[in-house]
Structure formats: structure tokens, C-alpha cells
Amino acid sequence: MYRQVADCVALDEERCATVEPFVGNRVKGIQFLSSPSCWRHCPTKNIPADLVSRGCLLHTLPAHDL
């Protein structure tokens, strides 16, 4: 679900209306609360939540440089 939101954030209002209602509502909220000039791409290697999906164990988290 998050990936859909990330892919849709830059869409205009009309195109966001064509995605699932939950995704469209999330995107509208993001667009309302922030400016596109503030948006930046975050590589997956810099996202702590992605460490778990790559097999990182909880006790090894403090050793990771993010």
C-alpha cells in the first residue's frame, strides 16, 4: 500500500481520483500538508523500516549506519 502512495504523490487531483479511495485520500492529505519542493527520494538503503524486510535482526539494528 505504501508504495502506491509513494508512486501517486506527484499525481494531480484528477489522476489521484482514479486510484483506490484509501490511496487517493492519503495522497490528498500529503499534498495538502506539504509542498512538492520539499519532497525528496529516499533510497531504500536509507529507510530504517526496510532493514527488517531485508532480513536485519532486531539486535543488530544499533550497528547499522543509516
C-alpha atoms as a PDB file:
ATOM      1  CA  MET A   1       0.000   0.000   0.000  1.00  0.00           C
ATOM      2  CA  TYR A   2       2.752   2.489   0.907  1.00  0.00           C
ATOM      3  CA  ARG A   3       4.418   2.039  -2.450  1.00  0.00           C
ATOM      4  CA  GLN A   4       1.162   3.017  -4.170  1.00  0.00           C
ATOM      5  CA  VAL A   5       1.030   6.203  -2.120  1.00  0.00           C
ATOM      6  CA  ALA A   6       4.659   6.989  -2.894  1.00  0.00           C
ATOM      7  CA  ASP A   7       4.073   6.470  -6.610  1.00  0.00           C
ATOM      8  CA  CYS A   8       0.960   8.636  -6.585  1.00  0.00           C
ATOM      9  CA  VAL A   9       2.064  11.625  -4.508  1.00  0.00           C
ATOM     10  CA  ALA A  10       3.097  13.647  -7.549  1.00  0.00           C
ATOM     11  CA  LEU A  11      -0.156  12.974  -9.396  1.00  0.00           C
ATOM     12  CA  ASP A  12      -2.683  15.702  -9.964  1.00  0.00           C
ATOM     13  CA  GLU A  13      -6.095  15.620  -8.305  1.00  0.00           C
ATOM     14  CA  GLU A  14      -7.880  14.106 -11.313  1.00  0.00           C
ATOM     15  CA  ARG A  15      -5.445  11.204 -11.652  1.00  0.00           C
ATOM     16  CA  CYS A  16      -5.468  10.508  -7.908  1.00  0.00           C
ATOM     17  CA  ALA A  17      -9.239  10.093  -8.092  1.00  0.00           C
ATOM     18  CA  THR A  18      -8.703   7.004 -10.265  1.00  0.00           C
ATOM     19  CA  VAL A  19      -6.712   5.061  -7.654  1.00  0.00           C
ATOM     20  CA  GLU A  20      -8.146   3.202  -4.667  1.00  0.00           C
ATOM     21  CA  PRO A  21     -10.051   5.580  -2.341  1.00  0.00           C
ATOM     22  CA  PHE A  22      -7.683   4.992   0.583  1.00  0.00           C
ATOM     23  CA  VAL A  23      -4.629   5.761  -1.557  1.00  0.00           C
ATOM     24  CA  GLY A  24      -6.245   8.829  -3.100  1.00  0.00           C
ATOM     25  CA  ASN A  25      -7.212  10.184   0.318  1.00  0.00           C
ATOM     26  CA  ARG A  26      -3.698   9.650   1.668  1.00  0.00           C
ATOM     27  CA  VAL A  27      -2.227  11.436  -1.346  1.00  0.00           C
ATOM     28  CA  LYS A  28      -4.605  14.384  -0.970  1.00  0.00           C
ATOM     29  CA  GLY A  29      -3.567  14.673   2.675  1.00  0.00           C
ATOM     30  CA  ILE A  30       0.131  14.623   1.787  1.00  0.00           C
ATOM     31  CA  GLN A  31      -0.383  17.206  -0.953  1.00  0.00           C
ATOM     32  CA  PHE A  32      -2.360  19.461   1.410  1.00  0.00           C
ATOM     33  CA  LEU A  33       0.224  19.316   4.199  1.00  0.00           C
ATOM     34  CA  SER A  34       3.387  19.686   2.139  1.00  0.00           C
ATOM     35  CA  SER A  35       4.853  21.340  -0.909  1.00  0.00           C
ATOM     36  CA  PRO A  36       6.341  19.321  -3.800  1.00  0.00           C
ATOM     37  CA  SER A  37       9.516  21.379  -3.419  1.00  0.00           C
ATOM     38  CA  CYS A  38      10.012  19.636  -0.046  1.00  0.00           C
ATOM     39  CA  TRP A  39       9.723  16.110  -1.458  1.00  0.00           C
ATOM     40  CA  ARG A  40      12.886  14.036  -1.820  1.00  0.00           C
ATOM     41  CA  HIS A  41      13.546  10.495  -2.975  1.00  0.00           C
ATOM     42  CA  CYS A  42      14.786   8.270  -0.147  1.00  0.00           C
ATOM     43  CA  PRO A  43      16.750   5.250  -1.353  1.00  0.00           C
ATOM     44  CA  THR A  44      15.652   2.027   0.332  1.00  0.00           C
ATOM     45  CA  LYS A  45      19.104   1.645   1.930  1.00  0.00           C
ATOM     46  CA  ASN A  46      18.369   4.809   3.955  1.00  0.00           C
ATOM     47  CA  ILE A  47      14.945   3.768   5.266  1.00  0.00           C
ATOM     48  CA  PRO A  48      15.178   2.024   8.658  1.00  0.00           C
ATOM     49  CA  ALA A  49      11.844   0.220   8.202  1.00  0.00           C
ATOM     50  CA  ASP A  50      13.255  -1.530   5.132  1.00  0.00           C
ATOM     51  CA  LEU A  51      16.064  -3.140   7.148  1.00  0.00           C
ATOM     52  CA  VAL A  52      13.655  -5.700   8.586  1.00  0.00           C
ATOM     53  CA  SER A  53      12.327  -6.624   5.142  1.00  0.00           C
ATOM     54  CA  ARG A  54      15.942  -7.225   4.094  1.00  0.00           C
ATOM     55  CA  GLY A  55      16.473  -9.676   6.950  1.00  0.00           C
ATOM     56  CA  CYS A  56      18.064  -7.470   9.603  1.00  0.00           C
ATOM     57  CA  LEU A  57      17.597  -8.818  13.110  1.00  0.00           C
ATOM     58  CA  LEU A  58      16.472  -6.549  15.943  1.00  0.00           C
ATOM     59  CA  HIS A  59      19.644  -6.979  17.986  1.00  0.00           C
ATOM     60  CA  THR A  60      21.802  -5.874  15.013  1.00  0.00           C
ATOM     61  CA  LEU A  61      19.907  -2.615  14.339  1.00  0.00           C
ATOM     62  CA  PRO A  62      22.150  -0.400  16.516  1.00  0.00           C
ATOM     63  CA  ALA A  63      25.183  -1.430  14.440  1.00  0.00           C
ATOM     64  CA  HIS A  64      23.704  -0.144  11.156  1.00  0.00           C
ATOM     65  CA  ASP A  65      24.786   3.212   9.737  1.00  0.00           C
ATOM     66  CA  LEU A  66      21.824   4.956   8.194  1.00  0.00           C
END
